[in-house]
Amino acid sequence: MSLAFKGRHFAPDIILLCMRWYCRYALSYRDLEEMMAERHLSVDHTTIYRWVQHYAPELDRRVQWCKPLQTKTWYVDETYVKVRGEWMYLYRAIGDGGETLDFYLSQTRTTKAAK
């Protein structure tokens, strides 16, 4: 992931770790400050707050594809495509909004592959 970490005092791994813990778990900025101190890193809670405010919108935009979609209706689309010079069946589960929910490539056209 190439977010704009240029010019930051801390390594991108530390920034992403703090952001992940804050956004995923019910931790406060001060809890994260304490957890980093246990790992011998001096990070102020205000710094973590600024990281979250700066990078969270971009991270949210980048992980939209892996969030579970809340759709009630969907259908299966089947097509025949060439992959690396070999013809294969492409099955796609498409939601009511037109988004691809899942896909599957198969060399054979079977009911099992479609399901």
PDB file of N, CA and C in Angstrom:
ATOM      1  N   MET A   1       0.864  -1.167   0.000  1.00  0.00           N
ATOM      2  CA  MET A   1       0.000   0.000   0.000  1.00  0.00           C
ATOM      3  C   MET A   1       0.906   1.224   0.000  1.00  0.00           C
ATOM      4  N   SER A   2       0.693   2.106  -0.920  1.00  0.00           N
ATOM      5  CA  SER A   2       1.575   3.261  -1.024  1.00  0.00           C
ATOM      6  C   SER A   2       0.830   4.541  -0.663  1.00  0.00           C
ATOM      7  N   LEU A   3       0.441   4.641   0.583  1.00  0.00           N
ATOM      8  CA  LEU A   3      -0.136   5.894   1.050  1.00  0.00           C
ATOM      9  C   LEU A   3       0.996   6.904   1.193  1.00  0.00           C
ATOM     10  N   ALA A   4       0.666   8.161   1.317  1.00  0.00           N
ATOM     11  CA  ALA A   4       1.682   9.206   1.388  1.00  0.00           C
ATOM     12  C   ALA A   4       2.294   9.279   2.790  1.00  0.00           C
ATOM     13  N   PHE A   5       3.166   8.334   3.102  1.00  0.00           N
ATOM     14  CA  PHE A   5       3.819   8.322   4.407  1.00  0.00           C
ATOM     15  C   PHE A   5       5.113   9.132   4.396  1.00  0.00           C
ATOM     16  N   LYS A   6       5.402   9.770   3.286  1.00  0.00           N
ATOM     17  CA  LYS A   6       6.635  10.528   3.143  1.00  0.00           C
ATOM     18  C   LYS A   6       6.682  11.663   4.164  1.00  0.00           C
ATOM     19  N   GLY A   7       7.807  11.779   4.824  1.00  0.00           N
ATOM     20  CA  GLY A   7       7.990  12.851   5.792  1.00  0.00           C
ATOM     21  C   GLY A   7       7.472  12.531   7.186  1.00  0.00           C
ATOM     22  N   ARG A   8       6.991  11.348   7.418  1.00  0.00           N
ATOM     23  CA  ARG A   8       6.501  10.966   8.746  1.00  0.00           C
ATOM     24  C   ARG A   8       7.665  10.475   9.596  1.00  0.00           C
ATOM     25  N   HIS A   9       7.577  10.742  10.874  1.00  0.00           N
ATOM     26  CA  HIS A   9       8.635  10.352  11.805  1.00  0.00           C
ATOM     27  C   HIS A   9       8.655   8.842  12.042  1.00  0.00           C
ATOM     28  N   PHE A  10       7.481   8.223  12.037  1.00  0.00           N
ATOM     29  CA  PHE A  10       7.369   6.796  12.320  1.00  0.00           C
ATOM     30  C   PHE A  10       7.265   5.989  11.024  1.00  0.00           C
ATOM     31  N   ALA A  11       7.628   4.727  11.129  1.00  0.00           N
ATOM     32  CA  ALA A  11       7.571   3.828   9.979  1.00  0.00           C
ATOM     33  C   ALA A  11       6.107   3.590   9.581  1.00  0.00           C
ATOM     34  N   PRO A  12       5.857   3.359   8.298  1.00  0.00           N
ATOM     35  CA  PRO A  12       4.480   3.094   7.847  1.00  0.00           C
ATOM     36  C   PRO A  12       3.830   1.914   8.571  1.00  0.00           C
ATOM     37  N   ASP A  13       4.617   0.907   8.947  1.00  0.00           N
ATOM     38  CA  ASP A  13       4.065  -0.248   9.657  1.00  0.00           C
ATOM     39  C   ASP A  13       3.464   0.157  10.997  1.00  0.00           C
ATOM     40  N   ILE A  14       4.125   1.051  11.699  1.00  0.00           N
ATOM     41  CA  ILE A  14       3.633   1.513  13.009  1.00  0.00           C
ATOM     42  C   ILE A  14       2.347   2.320  12.824  1.00  0.00           C
ATOM     43  N   ILE A  15       2.343   3.187  11.822  1.00  0.00           N
ATOM     44  CA  ILE A  15       1.159   4.006  11.563  1.00  0.00           C
ATOM     45  C   ILE A  15      -0.039   3.118  11.221  1.00  0.00           C
ATOM     46  N   LEU A  16       0.172   2.161  10.316  1.00  0.00           N
ATOM     47  CA  LEU A  16      -0.925   1.273   9.921  1.00  0.00           C
ATOM     48  C   LEU A  16      -1.390   0.388  11.067  1.00  0.00           C
ATOM     49  N   LEU A  17      -0.463  -0.071  11.896  1.00  0.00           N
ATOM     50  CA  LEU A  17      -0.837  -0.896  13.042  1.00  0.00           C
ATOM     51  C   LEU A  17      -1.720  -0.115  14.016  1.00  0.00           C
ATOM     52  N   CYS A  18      -1.322   1.095  14.345  1.00  0.00           N
ATOM     53  CA  CYS A  18      -2.133   1.917  15.256  1.00  0.00           C
ATOM     54  C   CYS A  18      -3.503   2.208  14.658  1.00  0.00           C
ATOM     55  N   MET A  19      -3.533   2.519  13.384  1.00  0.00           N
ATOM     56  CA  MET A  19      -4.809   2.806  12.737  1.00  0.00           C
ATOM     57  C   MET A  19      -5.698   1.573  12.695  1.00  0.00           C
ATOM     58  N   ARG A  20      -5.100   0.436  12.408  1.00  0.00           N
ATOM     59  CA  ARG A  20      -5.889  -0.807  12.361  1.00  0.00           C
ATOM     60  C   ARG A  20      -6.500  -1.111  13.722  1.00  0.00           C
ATOM     61  N   TRP A  21      -5.691  -1.015  14.763  1.00  0.00           N
ATOM     62  CA  TRP A  21      -6.194  -1.303  16.098  1.00  0.00           C
ATOM     63  C   TRP A  21      -7.280  -0.307  16.507  1.00  0.00           C
ATOM     64  N   TYR A  22      -7.094   0.965  16.173  1.00  0.00           N
ATOM     65  CA  TYR A  22      -8.092   1.960  16.552  1.00  0.00           C
ATOM     66  C   TYR A  22      -9.397   1.747  15.787  1.00  0.00           C
ATOM     67  N   CYS A  23      -9.285   1.525  14.484  1.00  0.00           N
ATOM     68  CA  CYS A  23     -10.495   1.404  13.656  1.00  0.00           C
ATOM     69  C   CYS A  23     -11.204   0.070  13.837  1.00  0.00           C
ATOM     70  N   ARG A  24     -10.488  -0.979  14.173  1.00  0.00           N
ATOM     71  CA  ARG A  24     -11.107  -2.314  14.274  1.00  0.00           C
ATOM     72  C   ARG A  24     -11.609  -2.627  15.679  1.00  0.00           C
ATOM     73  N   TYR A  25     -10.854  -2.230  16.681  1.00  0.00           N
ATOM     74  CA  TYR A  25     -11.195  -2.575  18.059  1.00  0.00           C
ATOM     75  C   TYR A  25     -11.610  -1.320  18.823  1.00  0.00           C
ATOM     76  N   ALA A  26     -12.298  -1.475  19.906  1.00  0.00           N
ATOM     77  CA  ALA A  26     -12.784  -0.341  20.699  1.00  0.00           C
ATOM     78  C   ALA A  26     -11.679   0.149  21.635  1.00  0.00           C
ATOM     79  N   LEU A  27     -10.621   0.681  21.037  1.00  0.00           N
ATOM     80  CA  LEU A  27      -9.503   1.202  21.818  1.00  0.00           C
ATOM     81  C   LEU A  27      -9.484   2.718  21.723  1.00  0.00           C
ATOM     82  N   SER A  28      -9.071   3.360  22.806  1.00  0.00           N
ATOM     83  CA  SER A  28      -8.936   4.810  22.766  1.00  0.00           C
ATOM     84  C   SER A  28      -7.526   5.167  22.290  1.00  0.00           C
ATOM     85  N   TYR A  29      -7.337   6.430  21.959  1.00  0.00           N
ATOM     86  CA  TYR A  29      -6.010   6.883  21.544  1.00  0.00           C
ATOM     87  C   TYR A  29      -5.003   6.718  22.682  1.00  0.00           C
ATOM     88  N   ARG A  30      -5.462   6.939  23.900  1.00  0.00           N
ATOM     89  CA  ARG A  30      -4.566   6.781  25.057  1.00  0.00           C
ATOM     90  C   ARG A  30      -4.220   5.308  25.294  1.00  0.00           C
ATOM     91  N   ASP A  31      -5.174   4.404  25.020  1.00  0.00           N
ATOM     92  CA  ASP A  31      -4.871   2.970  25.104  1.00  0.00           C
ATOM     93  C   ASP A  31      -3.769   2.608  24.106  1.00  0.00           C
ATOM     94  N   LEU A  32      -3.893   3.126  22.902  1.00  0.00           N
ATOM     95  CA  LEU A  32      -2.877   2.849  21.884  1.00  0.00           C
ATOM     96  C   LEU A  32      -1.528   3.448  22.252  1.00  0.00           C
ATOM     97  N   GLU A  33      -1.559   4.632  22.844  1.00  0.00           N
ATOM     98  CA  GLU A  33      -0.313   5.253  23.308  1.00  0.00           C
ATOM     99  C   GLU A  33       0.384   4.345  24.331  1.00  0.00           C
ATOM    100  N   GLU A  34      -0.405   3.788  25.243  1.00  0.00           N
ATOM    101  CA  GLU A  34       0.131   2.881  26.261  1.00  0.00           C
ATOM    102  C   GLU A  34       0.652   1.581  25.638  1.00  0.00           C
ATOM    103  N   MET A  35      -0.091   1.043  24.660  1.00  0.00           N
ATOM    104  CA  MET A  35       0.345  -0.191  24.001  1.00  0.00           C
ATOM    105  C   MET A  35       1.653   0.011  23.237  1.00  0.00           C
ATOM    106  N   MET A  36       1.806   1.170  22.620  1.00  0.00           N
ATOM    107  CA  MET A  36       3.063   1.464  21.915  1.00  0.00           C
ATOM    108  C   MET A  36       4.205   1.659  22.907  1.00  0.00           C
ATOM    109  N   ALA A  37       3.900   2.236  24.062  1.00  0.00           N
ATOM    110  CA  ALA A  37       4.924   2.416  25.096  1.00  0.00           C
ATOM    111  C   ALA A  37       5.426   1.070  25.613  1.00  0.00           C
ATOM    112  N   GLU A  38       4.523   0.078  25.691  1.00  0.00           N
ATOM    113  CA  GLU A  38       4.934  -1.269  26.083  1.00  0.00           C
ATOM    114  C   GLU A  38       5.883  -1.888  25.062  1.00  0.00           C
ATOM    115  N   ARG A  39       5.818  -1.400  23.840  1.00  0.00           N
ATOM    116  CA  ARG A  39       6.707  -1.874  22.769  1.00  0.00           C
ATOM    117  C   ARG A  39       7.889  -0.931  22.568  1.00  0.00           C
ATOM    118  N   HIS A  40       8.119  -0.087  23.566  1.00  0.00           N
ATOM    119  CA  HIS A  40       9.245   0.849  23.600  1.00  0.00           C
ATOM    120  C   HIS A  40       9.187   1.876  22.474  1.00  0.00           C
ATOM    121  N   LEU A  41       7.982   2.304  22.124  1.00  0.00           N
ATOM    122  CA  LEU A  41       7.787   3.367  21.148  1.00  0.00           C
ATOM    123  C   LEU A  41       7.051   4.511  21.824  1.00  0.00           C
ATOM    124  N   SER A  42       7.605   5.681  21.730  1.00  0.00           N
ATOM    125  CA  SER A  42       6.983   6.851  22.329  1.00  0.00           C
ATOM    126  C   SER A  42       6.124   7.558  21.280  1.00  0.00           C
ATOM    127  N   VAL A  43       4.825   7.260  21.318  1.00  0.00           N
ATOM    128  CA  VAL A  43       3.871   7.857  20.379  1.00  0.00           C
ATOM    129  C   VAL A  43       2.792   8.546  21.197  1.00  0.00           C
ATOM    130  N   ASP A  44       2.590   9.825  20.950  1.00  0.00           N
ATOM    131  CA  ASP A  44       1.579  10.570  21.679  1.00  0.00           C
ATOM    132  C   ASP A  44       0.192  10.252  21.116  1.00  0.00           C
ATOM    133  N   HIS A  45      -0.826  10.301  21.991  1.00  0.00           N
ATOM    134  CA  HIS A  45      -2.183   9.993  21.553  1.00  0.00           C
ATOM    135  C   HIS A  45      -2.678  10.987  20.505  1.00  0.00           C
ATOM    136  N   THR A  46      -2.212  12.231  20.558  1.00  0.00           N
ATOM    137  CA  THR A  46      -2.591  13.229  19.567  1.00  0.00           C
ATOM    138  C   THR A  46      -2.035  12.880  18.191  1.00  0.00           C
ATOM    139  N   THR A  47      -0.852  12.295  18.163  1.00  0.00           N
ATOM    140  CA  THR A  47      -0.249  11.877  16.898  1.00  0.00           C
ATOM    141  C   THR A  47      -1.088  10.768  16.257  1.00  0.00           C
ATOM    142  N   ILE A  48      -1.521   9.812  17.057  1.00  0.00           N
ATOM    143  CA  ILE A  48      -2.359   8.728  16.543  1.00  0.00           C
ATOM    144  C   ILE A  48      -3.679   9.296  16.026  1.00  0.00           C
ATOM    145  N   TYR A  49      -4.245  10.243  16.755  1.00  0.00           N
ATOM    146  CA  TYR A  49      -5.472  10.909  16.308  1.00  0.00           C
ATOM    147  C   TYR A  49      -5.265  11.552  14.935  1.00  0.00           C
ATOM    148  N   ARG A  50      -4.153  12.244  14.753  1.00  0.00           N
ATOM    149  CA  ARG A  50      -3.871  12.892  13.463  1.00  0.00           C
ATOM    150  C   ARG A  50      -3.691  11.870  12.348  1.00  0.00           C
ATOM    151  N   TRP A  51      -3.062  10.735  12.652  1.00  0.00           N
ATOM    152  CA  TRP A  51      -2.920   9.670  11.650  1.00  0.00           C
ATOM    153  C   TRP A  51      -4.293   9.181  11.200  1.00  0.00           C
ATOM    154  N   VAL A  52      -5.153   8.927  12.169  1.00  0.00           N
ATOM    155  CA  VAL A  52      -6.489   8.414  11.846  1.00  0.00           C
ATOM    156  C   VAL A  52      -7.257   9.436  11.018  1.00  0.00           C
ATOM    157  N   GLN A  53      -7.205  10.701  11.393  1.00  0.00           N
ATOM    158  CA  GLN A  53      -7.915  11.735  10.646  1.00  0.00           C
ATOM    159  C   GLN A  53      -7.373  11.882   9.227  1.00  0.00           C
ATOM    160  N   HIS A  54      -6.084  11.694   9.047  1.00  0.00           N
ATOM    161  CA  HIS A  54      -5.452  11.891   7.747  1.00  0.00           C
ATOM    162  C   HIS A  54      -5.603  10.680   6.825  1.00  0.00           C
ATOM    163  N   TYR A  55      -5.370   9.477   7.364  1.00  0.00           N
ATOM    164  CA  TYR A  55      -5.299   8.287   6.520  1.00  0.00           C
ATOM    165  C   TYR A  55      -6.569   7.428   6.490  1.00  0.00           C
ATOM    166  N   ALA A  56      -7.445   7.543   7.462  1.00  0.00           N
ATOM    167  CA  ALA A  56      -8.625   6.673   7.528  1.00  0.00           C
ATOM    168  C   ALA A  56      -9.540   6.796   6.302  1.00  0.00           C
ATOM    169  N   PRO A  57      -9.812   7.989   5.785  1.00  0.00           N
ATOM    170  CA  PRO A  57     -10.678   8.048   4.595  1.00  0.00           C
ATOM    171  C   PRO A  57     -10.085   7.303   3.396  1.00  0.00           C
ATOM    172  N   GLU A  58      -8.790   7.410   3.189  1.00  0.00           N
ATOM    173  CA  GLU A  58      -8.151   6.716   2.069  1.00  0.00           C
ATOM    174  C   GLU A  58      -8.160   5.205   2.284  1.00  0.00           C
ATOM    175  N   LEU A  59      -7.895   4.762   3.497  1.00  0.00           N
ATOM    176  CA  LEU A  59      -7.951   3.327   3.784  1.00  0.00           C
ATOM    177  C   LEU A  59      -9.357   2.780   3.601  1.00  0.00           C
ATOM    178  N   ASP A  60     -10.344   3.535   4.037  1.00  0.00           N
ATOM    179  CA  ASP A  60     -11.726   3.103   3.870  1.00  0.00           C
ATOM    180  C   ASP A  60     -12.077   2.960   2.392  1.00  0.00           C
ATOM    181  N   ARG A  61     -11.617   3.889   1.577  1.00  0.00           N
ATOM    182  CA  ARG A  61     -11.877   3.825   0.142  1.00  0.00           C
ATOM    183  C   ARG A  61     -11.223   2.591  -0.474  1.00  0.00           C
ATOM    184  N   ARG A  62     -10.030   2.238  -0.003  1.00  0.00           N
ATOM    185  CA  ARG A  62      -9.299   1.117  -0.577  1.00  0.00           C
ATOM    186  C   ARG A  62      -9.828  -0.251  -0.152  1.00  0.00           C
ATOM    187  N   VAL A  63     -10.532  -0.332   0.965  1.00  0.00           N
ATOM    188  CA  VAL A  63     -11.030  -1.636   1.423  1.00  0.00           C
ATOM    189  C   VAL A  63     -12.524  -1.817   1.175  1.00  0.00           C
ATOM    190  N   GLN A  64     -13.143  -0.955   0.401  1.00  0.00           N
ATOM    191  CA  GLN A  64     -14.566  -1.086   0.100  1.00  0.00           C
ATOM    192  C   GLN A  64     -14.882  -2.426  -0.543  1.00  0.00           C
ATOM    193  N   TRP A  65     -13.984  -2.950  -1.371  1.00  0.00           N
ATOM    194  CA  TRP A  65     -14.238  -4.197  -2.104  1.00  0.00           C
ATOM    195  C   TRP A  65     -14.340  -5.402  -1.187  1.00  0.00           C
ATOM    196  N   CYS A  66     -13.736  -5.364  -0.007  1.00  0.00           N
ATOM    197  CA  CYS A  66     -13.767  -6.546   0.847  1.00  0.00           C
ATOM    198  C   CYS A  66     -14.837  -6.476   1.936  1.00  0.00           C
ATOM    199  N   LYS A  67     -15.579  -5.392   1.983  1.00  0.00           N
ATOM    200  CA  LYS A  67     -16.665  -5.304   2.954  1.00  0.00           C
ATOM    201  C   LYS A  67     -17.833  -6.165   2.498  1.00  0.00           C
ATOM    202  N   PRO A  68     -18.519  -6.816   3.424  1.00  0.00           N
ATOM    203  CA  PRO A  68     -19.680  -7.617   3.019  1.00  0.00           C
ATOM    204  C   PRO A  68     -20.782  -6.712   2.465  1.00  0.00           C
ATOM    205  N   LEU A  69     -21.346  -7.133   1.368  1.00  0.00           N
ATOM    206  CA  LEU A  69     -22.399  -6.351   0.734  1.00  0.00           C
ATOM    207  C   LEU A  69     -23.763  -6.766   1.294  1.00  0.00           C
ATOM    208  N   GLN A  70     -24.582  -5.790   1.565  1.00  0.00           N
ATOM    209  CA  GLN A  70     -25.907  -6.043   2.125  1.00  0.00           C
ATOM    210  C   GLN A  70     -26.932  -6.047   0.992  1.00  0.00           C
ATOM    211  N   THR A  71     -26.996  -7.137   0.264  1.00  0.00           N
ATOM    212  CA  THR A  71     -27.944  -7.253  -0.829  1.00  0.00           C
ATOM    213  C   THR A  71     -28.818  -8.475  -0.613  1.00  0.00           C
ATOM    214  N   LYS A  72     -30.065  -8.367  -1.004  1.00  0.00           N
ATOM    215  CA  LYS A  72     -30.992  -9.471  -0.797  1.00  0.00           C
ATOM    216  C   LYS A  72     -31.205 -10.278  -2.060  1.00  0.00           C
ATOM    217  N   THR A  73     -31.079  -9.638  -3.222  1.00  0.00           N
ATOM    218  CA  THR A  73     -31.287 -10.357  -4.471  1.00  0.00           C
ATOM    219  C   THR A  73     -30.012 -10.359  -5.289  1.00  0.00           C
ATOM    220  N   TRP A  74     -29.793 -11.451  -5.988  1.00  0.00           N
ATOM    221  CA  TRP A  74     -28.623 -11.579  -6.841  1.00  0.00           C
ATOM    222  C   TRP A  74     -28.911 -12.625  -7.907  1.00  0.00           C
ATOM    223  N   TYR A  75     -28.096 -12.657  -8.931  1.00  0.00           N
ATOM    224  CA  TYR A  75     -28.228 -13.658  -9.973  1.00  0.00           C
ATOM    225  C   TYR A  75     -26.846 -14.075 -10.451  1.00  0.00           C
ATOM    226  N   VAL A  76     -26.792 -15.189 -11.178  1.00  0.00           N
ATOM    227  CA  VAL A  76     -25.525 -15.715 -11.679  1.00  0.00           C
ATOM    228  C   VAL A  76     -25.427 -15.415 -13.165  1.00  0.00           C
ATOM    229  N   ASP A  77     -24.289 -14.881 -13.559  1.00  0.00           N
ATOM    230  CA  ASP A  77     -24.002 -14.595 -14.953  1.00  0.00           C
ATOM    231  C   ASP A  77     -22.915 -15.562 -15.409  1.00  0.00           C
ATOM    232  N   GLU A  78     -23.079 -16.125 -16.588  1.00  0.00           N
ATOM    233  CA  GLU A  78     -22.101 -17.080 -17.112  1.00  0.00           C
ATOM    234  C   GLU A  78     -21.611 -16.586 -18.462  1.00  0.00           C
ATOM    235  N   THR A  79     -20.312 -16.631 -18.675  1.00  0.00           N
ATOM    236  CA  THR A  79     -19.747 -16.247 -19.965  1.00  0.00           C
ATOM    237  C   THR A  79     -18.519 -17.093 -20.251  1.00  0.00           C
ATOM    238  N   TYR A  80     -18.074 -17.046 -21.470  1.00  0.00           N
ATOM    239  CA  TYR A  80     -16.936 -17.846 -21.914  1.00  0.00           C
ATOM    240  C   TYR A  80     -15.818 -16.874 -22.254  1.00  0.00           C
ATOM    241  N   VAL A  81     -14.687 -16.961 -21.549  1.00  0.00           N
ATOM    242  CA  VAL A  81     -13.581 -16.016 -21.741  1.00  0.00           C
ATOM    243  C   VAL A  81     -12.276 -16.766 -21.968  1.00  0.00           C
ATOM    244  N   LYS A  82     -11.334 -16.074 -22.575  1.00  0.00           N
ATOM    245  CA  LYS A  82     -10.017 -16.645 -22.816  1.00  0.00           C
ATOM    246  C   LYS A  82      -9.070 -16.145 -21.728  1.00  0.00           C
ATOM    247  N   VAL A  83      -8.469 -17.085 -20.982  1.00  0.00           N
ATOM    248  CA  VAL A  83      -7.548 -16.756 -19.905  1.00  0.00           C
ATOM    249  C   VAL A  83      -6.216 -17.415 -20.227  1.00  0.00           C
ATOM    250  N   ARG A  84      -5.186 -16.586 -20.445  1.00  0.00           N
ATOM    251  CA  ARG A  84      -3.847 -17.077 -20.799  1.00  0.00           C
ATOM    252  C   ARG A  84      -3.888 -18.055 -21.976  1.00  0.00           C
ATOM    253  N   GLY A  85      -4.681 -17.719 -22.985  1.00  0.00           N
ATOM    254  CA  GLY A  85      -4.756 -18.526 -24.186  1.00  0.00           C
ATOM    255  C   GLY A  85      -5.668 -19.735 -24.094  1.00  0.00           C
ATOM    256  N   GLU A  86      -6.348 -19.923 -22.978  1.00  0.00           N
ATOM    257  CA  GLU A  86      -7.218 -21.081 -22.792  1.00  0.00           C
ATOM    258  C   GLU A  86      -8.644 -20.599 -22.502  1.00  0.00           C
ATOM    259  N   TRP A  87      -9.618 -21.183 -23.187  1.00  0.00           N
ATOM    260  CA  TRP A  87     -11.009 -20.797 -22.988  1.00  0.00           C
ATOM    261  C   TRP A  87     -11.550 -21.416 -21.699  1.00  0.00           C
ATOM    262  N   MET A  88     -12.208 -20.560 -20.884  1.00  0.00           N
ATOM    263  CA  MET A  88     -12.766 -21.001 -19.608  1.00  0.00           C
ATOM    264  C   MET A  88     -14.131 -20.364 -19.401  1.00  0.00           C
ATOM    265  N   TYR A  89     -14.922 -20.983 -18.542  1.00  0.00           N
ATOM    266  CA  TYR A  89     -16.226 -20.443 -18.165  1.00  0.00           C
ATOM    267  C   TYR A  89     -16.046 -19.540 -16.946  1.00  0.00           C
ATOM    268  N   LEU A  90     -16.606 -18.348 -17.038  1.00  0.00           N
ATOM    269  CA  LEU A  90     -16.568 -17.399 -15.935  1.00  0.00           C
ATOM    270  C   LEU A  90     -17.977 -17.261 -15.383  1.00  0.00           C
ATOM    271  N   TYR A  91     -18.137 -17.620 -14.117  1.00  0.00           N
ATOM    272  CA  TYR A  91     -19.419 -17.476 -13.417  1.00  0.00           C
ATOM    273  C   TYR A  91     -19.283 -16.303 -12.450  1.00  0.00           C
ATOM    274  N   ARG A  92     -20.237 -15.378 -12.484  1.00  0.00           N
ATOM    275  CA  ARG A  92     -20.231 -14.232 -11.572  1.00  0.00           C
ATOM    276  C   ARG A  92     -21.552 -14.145 -10.837  1.00  0.00           C
ATOM    277  N   ALA A  93     -21.482 -13.922  -9.544  1.00  0.00           N
ATOM    278  CA  ALA A  93     -22.679 -13.620  -8.760  1.00  0.00           C
ATOM    279  C   ALA A  93     -22.803 -12.103  -8.739  1.00  0.00           C
ATOM    280  N   ILE A  94     -23.915 -11.593  -9.257  1.00  0.00           N
ATOM    281  CA  ILE A  94     -24.103 -10.157  -9.394  1.00  0.00           C
ATOM    282  C   ILE A  94     -25.259  -9.719  -8.509  1.00  0.00           C
ATOM    283  N   GLY A  95     -25.019  -8.686  -7.696  1.00  0.00           N
ATOM    284  CA  GLY A  95     -26.035  -8.174  -6.780  1.00  0.00           C
ATOM    285  C   GLY A  95     -27.031  -7.274  -7.482  1.00  0.00           C
ATOM    286  N   ASP A  96     -28.043  -6.845  -6.729  1.00  0.00           N
ATOM    287  CA  ASP A  96     -29.102  -6.024  -7.310  1.00  0.00           C
ATOM    288  C   ASP A  96     -28.611  -4.643  -7.732  1.00  0.00           C
ATOM    289  N   GLY A  97     -27.469  -4.209  -7.227  1.00  0.00           N
ATOM    290  CA  GLY A  97     -26.901  -2.922  -7.629  1.00  0.00           C
ATOM    291  C   GLY A  97     -25.935  -3.030  -8.788  1.00  0.00           C
ATOM    292  N   GLY A  98     -25.740  -4.241  -9.323  1.00  0.00           N
ATOM    293  CA  GLY A  98     -24.838  -4.441 -10.445  1.00  0.00           C
ATOM    294  C   GLY A  98     -23.412  -4.744 -10.051  1.00  0.00           C
ATOM    295  N   GLU A  99     -23.141  -4.850  -8.753  1.00  0.00           N
ATOM    296  CA  GLU A  99     -21.784  -5.117  -8.286  1.00  0.00           C
ATOM    297  C   GLU A  99     -21.511  -6.620  -8.293  1.00  0.00           C
ATOM    298  N   THR A 100     -20.264  -6.977  -8.557  1.00  0.00           N
ATOM    299  CA  THR A 100     -19.857  -8.374  -8.552  1.00  0.00           C
ATOM    300  C   THR A 100     -19.654  -8.821  -7.107  1.00  0.00           C
ATOM    301  N   LEU A 101     -20.424  -9.799  -6.660  1.00  0.00           N
ATOM    302  CA  LEU A 101     -20.318 -10.303  -5.294  1.00  0.00           C
ATOM    303  C   LEU A 101     -19.236 -11.367  -5.189  1.00  0.00           C
ATOM    304  N   ASP A 102     -19.144 -12.233  -6.206  1.00  0.00           N
ATOM    305  CA  ASP A 102     -18.164 -13.313  -6.221  1.00  0.00           C
ATOM    306  C   ASP A 102     -18.017 -13.796  -7.650  1.00  0.00           C
ATOM    307  N   PHE A 103     -16.921 -14.500  -7.924  1.00  0.00           N
ATOM    308  CA  PHE A 103     -16.741 -15.066  -9.253  1.00  0.00           C
ATOM    309  C   PHE A 103     -16.019 -16.397  -9.154  1.00  0.00           C
ATOM    310  N   TYR A 104     -16.110 -17.176 -10.234  1.00  0.00           N
ATOM    311  CA  TYR A 104     -15.489 -18.492 -10.267  1.00  0.00           C
ATOM    312  C   TYR A 104     -15.127 -18.823 -11.710  1.00  0.00           C
ATOM    313  N   LEU A 105     -13.898 -19.278 -11.938  1.00  0.00           N
ATOM    314  CA  LEU A 105     -13.455 -19.735 -13.253  1.00  0.00           C
ATOM    315  C   LEU A 105     -13.461 -21.249 -13.270  1.00  0.00           C
ATOM    316  N   SER A 106     -13.976 -21.830 -14.362  1.00  0.00           N
ATOM    317  CA  SER A 106     -14.042 -23.276 -14.477  1.00  0.00           C
ATOM    318  C   SER A 106     -13.712 -23.692 -15.906  1.00  0.00           C
ATOM    319  N   GLN A 107     -13.041 -24.815 -16.048  1.00  0.00           N
ATOM    320  CA  GLN A 107     -12.744 -25.331 -17.386  1.00  0.00           C
ATOM    321  C   GLN A 107     -13.945 -26.061 -17.977  1.00  0.00           C
ATOM    322  N   THR A 108     -14.831 -26.525 -17.111  1.00  0.00           N
ATOM    323  CA  THR A 108     -16.007 -27.262 -17.585  1.00  0.00           C
ATOM    324  C   THR A 108     -17.274 -26.510 -17.222  1.00  0.00           C
ATOM    325  N   ARG A 109     -18.300 -26.740 -18.009  1.00  0.00           N
ATOM    326  CA  ARG A 109     -19.591 -26.108 -17.761  1.00  0.00           C
ATOM    327  C   ARG A 109     -20.479 -27.128 -17.059  1.00  0.00           C
ATOM    328  N   THR A 110     -20.569 -26.973 -15.734  1.00  0.00           N
ATOM    329  CA  THR A 110     -21.349 -27.904 -14.934  1.00  0.00           C
ATOM    330  C   THR A 110     -22.237 -27.146 -13.955  1.00  0.00           C
ATOM    331  N   THR A 111     -23.253 -27.815 -13.473  1.00  0.00           N
ATOM    332  CA  THR A 111     -24.118 -27.211 -12.469  1.00  0.00           C
ATOM    333  C   THR A 111     -23.345 -26.989 -11.174  1.00  0.00           C
ATOM    334  N   LYS A 112     -22.454 -27.902 -10.839  1.00  0.00           N
ATOM    335  CA  LYS A 112     -21.657 -27.772  -9.633  1.00  0.00           C
ATOM    336  C   LYS A 112     -20.804 -26.503  -9.691  1.00  0.00           C
ATOM    337  N   ALA A 113     -20.220 -26.231 -10.862  1.00  0.00           N
ATOM    338  CA  ALA A 113     -19.400 -25.024 -10.993  1.00  0.00           C
ATOM    339  C   ALA A 113     -20.247 -23.766 -10.833  1.00  0.00           C
ATOM    340  N   ALA A 114     -21.441 -23.786 -11.366  1.00  0.00           N
ATOM    341  CA  ALA A 114     -22.321 -22.624 -11.267  1.00  0.00           C
ATOM    342  C   ALA A 114     -22.760 -22.372  -9.826  1.00  0.00           C
ATOM    343  N   LYS A 115     -23.037 -23.449  -9.088  1.00  0.00           N
ATOM    344  CA  LYS A 115     -23.463 -23.283  -7.691  1.00  0.00           C
ATOM    345  C   LYS A 115     -22.310 -22.817  -6.841  1.00  0.00           C
TER     346      LYS A 115
END
